[in-house]
N, C-alpha and C. Protein backbone atom coordinates (compact mmCIF):
# COMPACT_ATOMS: atom_id res chain seq x y z
N PRO A 1 -26.96 106.78 -22.74
CA PRO A 1 -26.54 108.16 -23.01
C PRO A 1 -27.42 109.22 -22.37
N LYS A 2 -28.53 108.83 -21.78
CA LYS A 2 -29.40 109.74 -21.04
C LYS A 2 -29.91 110.93 -21.86
N GLY A 3 -30.32 110.64 -23.09
CA GLY A 3 -30.99 111.65 -23.89
C GLY A 3 -30.10 112.67 -24.56
N LYS A 4 -28.81 112.39 -24.63
CA LYS A 4 -27.92 113.30 -25.35
C LYS A 4 -26.80 112.50 -26.01
N PRO A 5 -26.26 113.02 -27.12
CA PRO A 5 -25.22 112.27 -27.84
C PRO A 5 -23.95 112.06 -27.01
N GLU A 6 -23.45 110.82 -27.06
CA GLU A 6 -22.17 110.48 -26.44
C GLU A 6 -21.44 109.57 -27.41
N ALA A 7 -20.24 110.00 -27.81
CA ALA A 7 -19.50 109.28 -28.85
C ALA A 7 -19.33 107.80 -28.53
N ARG A 8 -19.12 107.47 -27.28
CA ARG A 8 -18.86 106.06 -26.94
C ARG A 8 -20.08 105.17 -27.16
N TYR A 9 -21.26 105.79 -27.27
CA TYR A 9 -22.47 105.01 -27.52
C TYR A 9 -22.92 105.10 -28.97
N GLY A 10 -22.09 105.70 -29.82
CA GLY A 10 -22.43 105.78 -31.24
C GLY A 10 -22.42 104.41 -31.89
N LEU A 11 -23.16 104.27 -32.98
CA LEU A 11 -23.35 102.96 -33.61
C LEU A 11 -22.41 102.69 -34.79
N GLY A 12 -21.33 103.46 -34.88
CA GLY A 12 -20.34 103.22 -35.93
C GLY A 12 -19.82 101.79 -35.94
N PRO A 13 -19.39 101.25 -34.77
CA PRO A 13 -18.91 99.86 -34.74
C PRO A 13 -19.98 98.85 -35.15
N VAL A 14 -21.23 99.14 -34.82
CA VAL A 14 -22.33 98.25 -35.18
C VAL A 14 -22.52 98.25 -36.70
N ALA A 15 -22.46 99.44 -37.29
CA ALA A 15 -22.61 99.55 -38.75
C ALA A 15 -21.50 98.78 -39.47
N ARG A 16 -20.28 98.90 -38.96
CA ARG A 16 -19.15 98.19 -39.59
C ARG A 16 -19.32 96.67 -39.48
N LYS A 17 -19.69 96.21 -38.30
CA LYS A 17 -19.87 94.76 -38.10
C LYS A 17 -21.02 94.24 -38.94
N LEU A 18 -22.09 95.00 -38.99
CA LEU A 18 -23.25 94.59 -39.80
C LEU A 18 -22.85 94.49 -41.27
N GLY A 19 -22.04 95.43 -41.72
CA GLY A 19 -21.56 95.39 -43.10
C GLY A 19 -20.72 94.15 -43.39
N GLU A 20 -19.88 93.79 -42.40
CA GLU A 20 -19.07 92.57 -42.54
C GLU A 20 -19.95 91.33 -42.64
N LEU A 21 -20.94 91.24 -41.77
CA LEU A 21 -21.81 90.07 -41.74
C LEU A 21 -22.66 89.95 -43.01
N LEU A 22 -23.13 91.09 -43.50
CA LEU A 22 -23.99 91.08 -44.68
C LEU A 22 -23.20 91.14 -45.99
N LYS A 23 -21.87 91.44 -45.84
CA LYS A 23 -21.01 91.60 -47.02
C LYS A 23 -21.57 92.70 -47.95
N LYS A 24 -22.06 93.76 -47.32
CA LYS A 24 -22.60 94.91 -48.06
C LYS A 24 -22.25 96.17 -47.30
N GLU A 25 -22.26 97.27 -48.01
CA GLU A 25 -22.02 98.56 -47.35
C GLU A 25 -23.24 98.92 -46.49
N VAL A 26 -22.97 99.29 -45.25
CA VAL A 26 -24.02 99.78 -44.37
C VAL A 26 -23.68 101.22 -44.03
N LYS A 27 -24.52 102.13 -44.48
CA LYS A 27 -24.28 103.55 -44.21
C LYS A 27 -24.84 103.90 -42.83
N LEU A 28 -24.06 104.63 -42.07
CA LEU A 28 -24.52 105.09 -40.76
C LEU A 28 -25.05 106.51 -40.90
N ALA A 29 -26.31 106.72 -40.56
CA ALA A 29 -26.89 108.06 -40.61
C ALA A 29 -26.29 108.90 -39.48
N PRO A 30 -26.21 110.22 -39.68
CA PRO A 30 -25.64 111.08 -38.63
C PRO A 30 -26.55 111.25 -37.42
N ASP A 31 -27.79 110.86 -37.58
CA ASP A 31 -28.78 110.97 -36.50
C ASP A 31 -29.86 109.94 -36.79
N CYS A 32 -30.91 109.92 -36.01
CA CYS A 32 -32.00 108.98 -36.30
C CYS A 32 -33.24 109.70 -36.82
N ILE A 33 -33.24 111.01 -36.74
CA ILE A 33 -34.34 111.82 -37.28
C ILE A 33 -33.76 113.10 -37.88
N GLY A 34 -34.60 113.86 -38.56
CA GLY A 34 -34.17 115.15 -39.08
C GLY A 34 -34.05 115.18 -40.59
N PRO A 35 -33.94 116.40 -41.15
CA PRO A 35 -33.91 116.59 -42.60
C PRO A 35 -32.80 115.81 -43.30
N GLU A 36 -31.59 115.78 -42.70
CA GLU A 36 -30.48 115.09 -43.35
C GLU A 36 -30.74 113.59 -43.46
N VAL A 37 -31.32 113.03 -42.41
CA VAL A 37 -31.63 111.59 -42.41
C VAL A 37 -32.77 111.31 -43.40
N GLU A 38 -33.76 112.19 -43.43
CA GLU A 38 -34.86 112.02 -44.38
C GLU A 38 -34.36 112.08 -45.82
N LYS A 39 -33.39 112.95 -46.07
CA LYS A 39 -32.80 113.06 -47.40
C LYS A 39 -32.07 111.76 -47.77
N MET A 40 -31.34 111.20 -46.80
CA MET A 40 -30.62 109.94 -47.04
C MET A 40 -31.58 108.81 -47.38
N THR A 41 -32.64 108.69 -46.60
CA THR A 41 -33.58 107.58 -46.82
C THR A 41 -34.36 107.77 -48.12
N ALA A 42 -34.65 109.01 -48.46
CA ALA A 42 -35.38 109.27 -49.72
C ALA A 42 -34.55 108.90 -50.94
N ALA A 43 -33.22 108.94 -50.78
CA ALA A 43 -32.33 108.65 -51.91
C ALA A 43 -31.97 107.17 -52.01
N MET A 44 -32.51 106.35 -51.11
CA MET A 44 -32.18 104.92 -51.12
C MET A 44 -32.73 104.24 -52.37
N VAL A 45 -31.99 103.25 -52.84
CA VAL A 45 -32.45 102.40 -53.93
C VAL A 45 -32.51 100.97 -53.40
N PRO A 46 -33.24 100.06 -54.06
CA PRO A 46 -33.32 98.69 -53.59
C PRO A 46 -31.92 98.10 -53.33
N GLY A 47 -31.76 97.52 -52.14
CA GLY A 47 -30.48 96.93 -51.76
C GLY A 47 -29.68 97.80 -50.81
N ASP A 48 -30.01 99.09 -50.73
CA ASP A 48 -29.30 99.99 -49.81
C ASP A 48 -29.66 99.66 -48.36
N ILE A 49 -28.69 99.87 -47.48
CA ILE A 49 -28.91 99.66 -46.05
C ILE A 49 -28.41 100.90 -45.31
N ILE A 50 -29.28 101.46 -44.49
CA ILE A 50 -28.89 102.60 -43.64
C ILE A 50 -29.20 102.23 -42.19
N LEU A 51 -28.23 102.43 -41.33
CA LEU A 51 -28.43 102.23 -39.90
C LEU A 51 -28.59 103.60 -39.26
N LEU A 52 -29.69 103.80 -38.57
CA LEU A 52 -29.91 105.07 -37.89
C LEU A 52 -29.03 105.14 -36.64
N GLU A 53 -28.62 106.36 -36.29
CA GLU A 53 -27.81 106.54 -35.10
C GLU A 53 -28.65 106.26 -33.85
N ASN A 54 -27.99 106.07 -32.75
CA ASN A 54 -28.59 105.69 -31.47
C ASN A 54 -29.82 106.54 -31.12
N LEU A 55 -30.96 105.89 -30.99
CA LEU A 55 -32.21 106.58 -30.66
C LEU A 55 -32.16 107.28 -29.31
N ARG A 56 -31.38 106.71 -28.41
CA ARG A 56 -31.33 107.28 -27.05
C ARG A 56 -30.46 108.52 -26.95
N PHE A 57 -29.97 108.99 -28.06
CA PHE A 57 -29.32 110.30 -28.08
C PHE A 57 -30.38 111.40 -27.97
N HIS A 58 -31.66 110.99 -28.05
CA HIS A 58 -32.79 111.92 -27.91
C HIS A 58 -33.60 111.52 -26.69
N LYS A 59 -33.79 112.44 -25.77
CA LYS A 59 -34.55 112.14 -24.55
C LYS A 59 -35.99 111.77 -24.86
N GLU A 60 -36.49 112.20 -26.03
CA GLU A 60 -37.88 111.92 -26.41
C GLU A 60 -38.13 110.43 -26.62
N GLU A 61 -37.08 109.66 -26.91
CA GLU A 61 -37.24 108.22 -27.12
C GLU A 61 -37.79 107.56 -25.86
N GLU A 62 -37.12 107.76 -24.74
CA GLU A 62 -37.55 107.12 -23.50
C GLU A 62 -38.80 107.76 -22.91
N LYS A 63 -39.10 108.98 -23.34
CA LYS A 63 -40.32 109.65 -22.87
C LYS A 63 -41.54 109.26 -23.70
N ASN A 64 -41.31 108.40 -24.71
CA ASN A 64 -42.41 107.91 -25.55
C ASN A 64 -43.12 109.08 -26.24
N ASP A 65 -42.32 110.04 -26.72
CA ASP A 65 -42.85 111.27 -27.29
C ASP A 65 -43.49 111.01 -28.66
N PRO A 66 -44.76 111.38 -28.83
CA PRO A 66 -45.45 111.13 -30.11
C PRO A 66 -44.81 111.82 -31.31
N ALA A 67 -44.31 113.05 -31.11
CA ALA A 67 -43.67 113.78 -32.23
C ALA A 67 -42.38 113.07 -32.65
N PHE A 68 -41.64 112.56 -31.69
CA PHE A 68 -40.42 111.83 -32.01
C PHE A 68 -40.75 110.55 -32.79
N ALA A 69 -41.79 109.85 -32.34
CA ALA A 69 -42.23 108.63 -33.04
C ALA A 69 -42.65 108.97 -34.46
N GLN A 70 -43.33 110.09 -34.62
CA GLN A 70 -43.78 110.52 -35.96
C GLN A 70 -42.58 110.80 -36.87
N ASN A 71 -41.55 111.43 -36.31
CA ASN A 71 -40.34 111.72 -37.09
C ASN A 71 -39.63 110.43 -37.51
N LEU A 72 -39.63 109.44 -36.64
CA LEU A 72 -39.05 108.14 -37.00
C LEU A 72 -39.88 107.46 -38.10
N ALA A 73 -41.19 107.51 -37.93
CA ALA A 73 -42.08 106.83 -38.87
C ALA A 73 -41.98 107.40 -40.28
N ARG A 74 -41.61 108.68 -40.38
CA ARG A 74 -41.46 109.30 -41.70
C ARG A 74 -40.39 108.62 -42.54
N LEU A 75 -39.50 107.91 -41.90
CA LEU A 75 -38.36 107.31 -42.59
C LEU A 75 -38.67 105.95 -43.19
N ALA A 76 -39.83 105.39 -42.90
CA ALA A 76 -40.08 104.00 -43.29
C ALA A 76 -41.48 103.79 -43.85
N GLU A 77 -41.63 102.69 -44.55
CA GLU A 77 -42.93 102.26 -45.06
C GLU A 77 -43.49 101.11 -44.24
N VAL A 78 -42.58 100.38 -43.59
CA VAL A 78 -42.97 99.19 -42.82
C VAL A 78 -42.26 99.24 -41.47
N TYR A 79 -42.95 98.81 -40.41
CA TYR A 79 -42.34 98.74 -39.08
C TYR A 79 -42.27 97.28 -38.63
N ILE A 80 -41.05 96.82 -38.31
CA ILE A 80 -40.85 95.46 -37.79
C ILE A 80 -40.05 95.56 -36.50
N ASN A 81 -40.58 95.00 -35.44
CA ASN A 81 -39.88 94.98 -34.16
C ASN A 81 -39.27 93.59 -33.97
N ASP A 82 -37.96 93.56 -33.84
CA ASP A 82 -37.28 92.28 -33.60
C ASP A 82 -36.47 92.34 -32.31
N ALA A 83 -36.83 93.29 -31.44
CA ALA A 83 -36.09 93.51 -30.19
C ALA A 83 -36.92 93.02 -29.00
N PHE A 84 -36.99 91.69 -28.86
CA PHE A 84 -37.82 91.10 -27.81
C PHE A 84 -37.46 91.62 -26.42
N ALA A 85 -36.16 91.78 -26.16
CA ALA A 85 -35.69 92.13 -24.82
C ALA A 85 -36.13 93.51 -24.36
N VAL A 86 -36.49 94.40 -25.29
CA VAL A 86 -36.92 95.74 -24.88
C VAL A 86 -38.39 96.00 -25.21
N SER A 87 -39.09 94.99 -25.63
CA SER A 87 -40.46 95.20 -26.09
C SER A 87 -41.45 95.51 -24.97
N HIS A 88 -41.02 95.38 -23.73
CA HIS A 88 -41.89 95.73 -22.61
C HIS A 88 -41.81 97.22 -22.29
N ARG A 89 -40.88 97.93 -22.93
CA ARG A 89 -40.66 99.33 -22.61
C ARG A 89 -41.60 100.25 -23.38
N ALA A 90 -42.15 101.21 -22.68
CA ALA A 90 -43.04 102.19 -23.33
C ALA A 90 -42.19 103.32 -23.89
N HIS A 91 -41.43 103.01 -24.94
CA HIS A 91 -40.58 104.00 -25.60
C HIS A 91 -41.16 104.31 -26.98
N ALA A 92 -40.77 105.46 -27.51
CA ALA A 92 -41.33 105.92 -28.78
C ALA A 92 -41.12 104.93 -29.92
N SER A 93 -39.93 104.31 -29.97
CA SER A 93 -39.62 103.39 -31.08
C SER A 93 -40.17 101.99 -30.86
N VAL A 94 -40.77 101.77 -29.70
CA VAL A 94 -41.31 100.44 -29.38
C VAL A 94 -42.83 100.47 -29.29
N GLU A 95 -43.36 101.51 -28.68
CA GLU A 95 -44.81 101.56 -28.44
C GLU A 95 -45.54 102.51 -29.37
N THR A 96 -45.29 103.80 -29.24
CA THR A 96 -46.06 104.79 -29.99
C THR A 96 -45.94 104.62 -31.50
N ILE A 97 -44.74 104.29 -31.96
CA ILE A 97 -44.53 104.16 -33.41
C ILE A 97 -45.41 103.09 -34.04
N THR A 98 -45.79 102.08 -33.28
CA THR A 98 -46.62 101.00 -33.85
C THR A 98 -48.00 101.49 -34.26
N THR A 99 -48.44 102.60 -33.67
CA THR A 99 -49.76 103.14 -34.03
C THR A 99 -49.72 103.93 -35.33
N LEU A 100 -48.52 104.13 -35.88
CA LEU A 100 -48.35 104.96 -37.07
C LEU A 100 -48.18 104.15 -38.35
N PHE A 101 -48.28 102.84 -38.23
CA PHE A 101 -48.18 101.95 -39.39
C PHE A 101 -49.42 101.08 -39.45
N PRO A 102 -49.93 100.83 -40.66
CA PRO A 102 -51.16 100.03 -40.76
C PRO A 102 -51.00 98.59 -40.27
N GLU A 103 -49.82 98.00 -40.49
CA GLU A 103 -49.61 96.61 -40.07
C GLU A 103 -48.22 96.42 -39.47
N PRO A 104 -47.99 96.92 -38.25
CA PRO A 104 -46.69 96.68 -37.62
C PRO A 104 -46.50 95.17 -37.41
N ALA A 105 -45.27 94.70 -37.53
CA ALA A 105 -45.03 93.26 -37.50
C ALA A 105 -43.89 92.89 -36.56
N ALA A 106 -43.85 91.61 -36.21
CA ALA A 106 -42.76 91.06 -35.41
C ALA A 106 -41.73 90.44 -36.35
N GLY A 107 -40.45 90.56 -35.97
CA GLY A 107 -39.38 89.97 -36.76
C GLY A 107 -39.21 88.49 -36.46
N PHE A 108 -38.25 87.86 -37.14
CA PHE A 108 -38.03 86.41 -36.99
C PHE A 108 -37.61 86.04 -35.56
N LEU A 109 -36.71 86.84 -34.97
CA LEU A 109 -36.26 86.55 -33.61
C LEU A 109 -37.41 86.71 -32.62
N MET A 110 -38.17 87.78 -32.79
CA MET A 110 -39.32 88.02 -31.91
C MET A 110 -40.30 86.85 -31.99
N LYS A 111 -40.57 86.39 -33.20
CA LYS A 111 -41.49 85.25 -33.39
C LYS A 111 -40.96 84.01 -32.67
N GLU A 112 -39.66 83.76 -32.83
CA GLU A 112 -39.04 82.59 -32.19
C GLU A 112 -39.13 82.68 -30.67
N GLU A 113 -38.83 83.88 -30.14
CA GLU A 113 -38.89 84.08 -28.68
C GLU A 113 -40.30 83.87 -28.16
N LEU A 114 -41.29 84.40 -28.88
CA LEU A 114 -42.68 84.28 -28.44
C LEU A 114 -43.17 82.84 -28.50
N LEU A 115 -42.77 82.12 -29.54
CA LEU A 115 -43.15 80.71 -29.64
C LEU A 115 -42.55 79.90 -28.50
N TYR A 116 -41.28 80.18 -28.21
CA TYR A 116 -40.61 79.48 -27.11
C TYR A 116 -41.26 79.82 -25.77
N LEU A 117 -41.55 81.11 -25.58
CA LEU A 117 -42.18 81.55 -24.33
C LEU A 117 -43.55 80.91 -24.17
N ASN A 118 -44.30 80.83 -25.26
CA ASN A 118 -45.62 80.22 -25.20
C ASN A 118 -45.52 78.74 -24.81
N LYS A 119 -44.54 78.05 -25.36
CA LYS A 119 -44.35 76.63 -25.03
C LYS A 119 -44.01 76.47 -23.55
N VAL A 120 -43.13 77.35 -23.07
CA VAL A 120 -42.73 77.29 -21.66
C VAL A 120 -43.92 77.56 -20.74
N MET A 121 -44.76 78.50 -21.14
CA MET A 121 -45.89 78.86 -20.28
C MET A 121 -47.04 77.86 -20.36
N GLU A 122 -47.25 77.27 -21.53
CA GLU A 122 -48.40 76.39 -21.72
C GLU A 122 -48.10 74.92 -21.40
N ASP A 123 -46.91 74.46 -21.74
CA ASP A 123 -46.59 73.04 -21.55
C ASP A 123 -45.11 72.88 -21.18
N PRO A 124 -44.72 73.38 -20.02
CA PRO A 124 -43.30 73.36 -19.67
C PRO A 124 -42.81 72.00 -19.19
N ALA A 125 -41.51 71.77 -19.40
CA ALA A 125 -40.86 70.62 -18.78
C ALA A 125 -40.64 70.98 -17.31
N ARG A 126 -40.76 70.01 -16.44
CA ARG A 126 -40.58 70.23 -15.00
C ARG A 126 -39.30 69.59 -14.50
N PRO A 127 -38.67 70.21 -13.50
CA PRO A 127 -39.06 71.45 -12.83
C PRO A 127 -38.76 72.66 -13.71
N LEU A 128 -39.62 73.67 -13.60
CA LEU A 128 -39.49 74.89 -14.39
C LEU A 128 -38.85 75.96 -13.50
N VAL A 129 -37.70 76.48 -13.95
CA VAL A 129 -36.98 77.50 -13.20
C VAL A 129 -36.96 78.79 -14.01
N ALA A 130 -37.35 79.90 -13.40
CA ALA A 130 -37.30 81.21 -14.06
C ALA A 130 -36.16 82.02 -13.47
N ILE A 131 -35.39 82.64 -14.34
CA ILE A 131 -34.30 83.52 -13.90
C ILE A 131 -34.66 84.93 -14.35
N ILE A 132 -34.84 85.82 -13.38
CA ILE A 132 -35.26 87.19 -13.67
C ILE A 132 -34.19 88.14 -13.16
N GLY A 133 -33.81 89.10 -13.99
CA GLY A 133 -32.81 90.08 -13.57
C GLY A 133 -33.14 91.45 -14.11
N GLY A 134 -32.26 92.38 -13.85
CA GLY A 134 -32.46 93.75 -14.30
C GLY A 134 -32.35 94.69 -13.13
N ALA A 135 -32.42 95.97 -13.42
CA ALA A 135 -32.21 96.97 -12.38
C ALA A 135 -33.45 97.20 -11.51
N LYS A 136 -34.63 97.16 -12.15
CA LYS A 136 -35.83 97.57 -11.42
C LYS A 136 -36.92 96.50 -11.40
N VAL A 137 -37.61 96.43 -10.27
CA VAL A 137 -38.76 95.54 -10.13
C VAL A 137 -39.92 96.08 -10.95
N SER A 138 -40.07 97.40 -10.97
CA SER A 138 -41.23 98.03 -11.60
C SER A 138 -41.41 97.62 -13.06
N GLY A 139 -40.32 97.43 -13.78
CA GLY A 139 -40.42 97.07 -15.19
C GLY A 139 -40.81 95.63 -15.43
N LYS A 140 -40.75 94.80 -14.37
CA LYS A 140 -41.03 93.38 -14.55
C LYS A 140 -42.06 92.85 -13.56
N LEU A 141 -42.78 93.77 -12.96
CA LEU A 141 -43.72 93.39 -11.91
C LEU A 141 -44.78 92.40 -12.36
N GLU A 142 -45.42 92.68 -13.50
CA GLU A 142 -46.48 91.79 -13.98
C GLU A 142 -45.92 90.44 -14.39
N VAL A 143 -44.71 90.44 -14.95
CA VAL A 143 -44.06 89.19 -15.32
C VAL A 143 -43.81 88.35 -14.07
N LEU A 144 -43.29 89.00 -13.02
CA LEU A 144 -43.02 88.29 -11.76
C LEU A 144 -44.29 87.67 -11.18
N LYS A 145 -45.35 88.48 -11.14
CA LYS A 145 -46.61 87.99 -10.57
C LYS A 145 -47.16 86.81 -11.37
N ASN A 146 -46.99 86.84 -12.68
CA ASN A 146 -47.48 85.77 -13.53
C ASN A 146 -46.62 84.51 -13.38
N LEU A 147 -45.30 84.71 -13.43
CA LEU A 147 -44.39 83.57 -13.36
C LEU A 147 -44.47 82.82 -12.04
N ILE A 148 -44.67 83.54 -10.96
CA ILE A 148 -44.67 82.91 -9.64
C ILE A 148 -45.80 81.89 -9.52
N LEU A 149 -46.81 82.03 -10.38
CA LEU A 149 -47.94 81.09 -10.39
C LEU A 149 -47.67 79.86 -11.25
N ARG A 150 -46.56 79.87 -12.00
CA ARG A 150 -46.30 78.81 -12.96
C ARG A 150 -45.02 78.03 -12.75
N VAL A 151 -44.05 78.65 -12.07
CA VAL A 151 -42.73 78.02 -11.96
C VAL A 151 -42.60 77.19 -10.69
N ASP A 152 -41.55 76.38 -10.67
CA ASP A 152 -41.22 75.60 -9.47
C ASP A 152 -40.15 76.31 -8.63
N LYS A 153 -39.28 77.03 -9.31
CA LYS A 153 -38.23 77.79 -8.64
C LYS A 153 -38.02 79.10 -9.38
N MET A 154 -37.59 80.12 -8.65
CA MET A 154 -37.31 81.41 -9.28
C MET A 154 -36.02 81.98 -8.73
N ILE A 155 -35.17 82.44 -9.64
CA ILE A 155 -33.93 83.11 -9.26
C ILE A 155 -34.07 84.58 -9.63
N ILE A 156 -33.95 85.47 -8.64
CA ILE A 156 -34.06 86.90 -8.88
C ILE A 156 -32.68 87.51 -8.65
N GLY A 157 -32.13 88.10 -9.71
CA GLY A 157 -30.80 88.68 -9.61
C GLY A 157 -30.78 90.12 -10.06
N GLY A 158 -29.58 90.64 -10.25
CA GLY A 158 -29.43 92.02 -10.69
C GLY A 158 -29.87 92.99 -9.61
N GLY A 159 -30.02 94.24 -9.99
CA GLY A 159 -30.38 95.28 -9.04
C GLY A 159 -31.74 95.06 -8.38
N MET A 160 -32.65 94.41 -9.10
CA MET A 160 -33.99 94.23 -8.56
C MET A 160 -34.00 93.32 -7.33
N ALA A 161 -32.97 92.50 -7.15
CA ALA A 161 -32.92 91.61 -5.99
C ALA A 161 -32.87 92.38 -4.69
N PHE A 162 -32.30 93.60 -4.72
CA PHE A 162 -32.16 94.37 -3.47
C PHE A 162 -33.50 94.78 -2.89
N THR A 163 -34.48 95.06 -3.75
CA THR A 163 -35.82 95.40 -3.25
C THR A 163 -36.41 94.20 -2.52
N PHE A 164 -36.18 93.00 -3.06
CA PHE A 164 -36.69 91.79 -2.41
C PHE A 164 -35.94 91.51 -1.11
N LEU A 165 -34.64 91.70 -1.13
CA LEU A 165 -33.84 91.48 0.09
C LEU A 165 -34.27 92.43 1.20
N LYS A 166 -34.51 93.69 0.83
CA LYS A 166 -34.94 94.67 1.83
C LYS A 166 -36.34 94.33 2.35
N SER A 167 -37.18 93.77 1.47
CA SER A 167 -38.53 93.40 1.91
C SER A 167 -38.50 92.29 2.96
N LYS A 168 -37.38 91.57 3.01
CA LYS A 168 -37.20 90.51 4.01
C LYS A 168 -36.51 91.03 5.27
N GLY A 169 -36.30 92.35 5.30
CA GLY A 169 -35.70 92.97 6.47
C GLY A 169 -34.18 92.97 6.49
N LEU A 170 -33.58 92.64 5.35
CA LEU A 170 -32.12 92.61 5.28
C LEU A 170 -31.55 93.99 4.92
N ASN A 171 -30.36 94.26 5.42
CA ASN A 171 -29.70 95.53 5.16
C ASN A 171 -29.01 95.45 3.79
N VAL A 172 -29.36 96.35 2.89
CA VAL A 172 -28.76 96.33 1.55
C VAL A 172 -27.87 97.56 1.31
N GLY A 173 -27.57 98.29 2.38
CA GLY A 173 -26.68 99.44 2.26
C GLY A 173 -27.25 100.49 1.33
N LYS A 174 -26.41 100.97 0.40
CA LYS A 174 -26.82 102.02 -0.53
C LYS A 174 -27.23 101.46 -1.88
N SER A 175 -27.51 100.18 -1.94
CA SER A 175 -27.90 99.55 -3.20
C SER A 175 -29.24 100.10 -3.69
N LEU A 176 -29.44 100.02 -4.99
CA LEU A 176 -30.68 100.50 -5.60
C LEU A 176 -31.88 99.73 -5.07
N VAL A 177 -32.82 100.45 -4.47
CA VAL A 177 -34.04 99.84 -3.94
C VAL A 177 -35.23 100.69 -4.36
N GLU A 178 -36.30 100.04 -4.80
CA GLU A 178 -37.55 100.75 -5.08
C GLU A 178 -38.43 100.62 -3.84
N ASP A 179 -38.27 101.58 -2.93
CA ASP A 179 -38.97 101.51 -1.64
C ASP A 179 -40.48 101.40 -1.78
N GLU A 180 -41.02 102.03 -2.82
CA GLU A 180 -42.48 102.00 -3.00
C GLU A 180 -42.98 100.61 -3.41
N LEU A 181 -42.06 99.70 -3.75
CA LEU A 181 -42.46 98.35 -4.16
C LEU A 181 -42.05 97.26 -3.15
N ILE A 182 -41.62 97.70 -1.98
CA ILE A 182 -41.21 96.71 -0.97
C ILE A 182 -42.39 95.83 -0.56
N ASP A 183 -43.56 96.44 -0.36
CA ASP A 183 -44.75 95.65 0.01
C ASP A 183 -45.12 94.68 -1.10
N THR A 184 -45.00 95.13 -2.34
CA THR A 184 -45.30 94.27 -3.49
C THR A 184 -44.32 93.10 -3.56
N ALA A 185 -43.05 93.38 -3.33
CA ALA A 185 -42.04 92.32 -3.32
C ALA A 185 -42.35 91.30 -2.23
N ARG A 186 -42.78 91.80 -1.09
CA ARG A 186 -43.13 90.91 0.02
C ARG A 186 -44.32 90.02 -0.36
N GLU A 187 -45.28 90.60 -1.08
CA GLU A 187 -46.45 89.83 -1.53
C GLU A 187 -46.04 88.71 -2.49
N VAL A 188 -45.11 89.04 -3.41
CA VAL A 188 -44.63 88.03 -4.36
C VAL A 188 -43.97 86.88 -3.61
N LEU A 189 -43.14 87.22 -2.62
CA LEU A 189 -42.45 86.19 -1.83
C LEU A 189 -43.44 85.36 -1.01
N THR A 190 -44.48 86.01 -0.49
CA THR A 190 -45.51 85.30 0.28
C THR A 190 -46.28 84.33 -0.61
N THR A 191 -46.62 84.79 -1.83
CA THR A 191 -47.32 83.93 -2.79
C THR A 191 -46.45 82.72 -3.13
N ALA A 192 -45.16 82.98 -3.33
CA ALA A 192 -44.23 81.90 -3.65
C ALA A 192 -44.18 80.87 -2.54
N GLU A 193 -44.13 81.33 -1.30
CA GLU A 193 -44.05 80.42 -0.15
C GLU A 193 -45.31 79.57 -0.06
N LYS A 194 -46.47 80.20 -0.26
CA LYS A 194 -47.74 79.47 -0.20
C LYS A 194 -47.84 78.41 -1.28
N ARG A 195 -47.24 78.67 -2.43
CA ARG A 195 -47.31 77.74 -3.55
C ARG A 195 -46.16 76.75 -3.57
N GLY A 196 -45.26 76.88 -2.60
CA GLY A 196 -44.12 75.96 -2.54
C GLY A 196 -43.05 76.27 -3.57
N VAL A 197 -43.03 77.52 -4.04
CA VAL A 197 -42.02 77.93 -5.02
C VAL A 197 -40.80 78.46 -4.27
N LYS A 198 -39.64 77.88 -4.54
CA LYS A 198 -38.41 78.31 -3.90
C LYS A 198 -37.86 79.51 -4.64
N VAL A 199 -37.62 80.61 -3.91
CA VAL A 199 -37.07 81.83 -4.53
C VAL A 199 -35.65 82.05 -4.03
N TYR A 200 -34.75 82.20 -4.98
CA TYR A 200 -33.34 82.45 -4.65
C TYR A 200 -33.01 83.90 -4.99
N LEU A 201 -32.42 84.61 -4.02
CA LEU A 201 -32.06 86.02 -4.23
C LEU A 201 -30.55 86.17 -4.23
């Protein structure tokens, strides 16, 4: 939604589905911060469930704004992150908010993902193949550099593949490319070649 409300990205359908799965009423807050939401959460009794509206309706979320994180933190006593797939992002609800709780914790899914990842990294079955995707290389650069030292094969897909393809001198037309990371992509591919790691783009 790019920092502003868009009805198609509203969480109404999520609240309804969550209610079906839990067999309980799930109230959807009109926003994720603000006096009305604070009033709703203050009136909660044990067993109540409130789903906050889409955080990305506020540009401050992706800007990792401390005031926005503070407004979110006002709504809770405990912080649990169970969103492994976005935990690398420096967003207000992922990074800054953790500094506002005495004991931020990982959820069950996060724990399971981390245990599995640790097993893969420490004692993997061979051959080990990593599949990496997404729009940008920049968000996964350290992961790529680390994995290339551990895997036997790597598949790079999604938008980030174009930066690697361009680093090999291929024409990618108007596809999304992070030109400032072409040299870095080339280094990753060179490291892979030296280590005998086959990279598929």
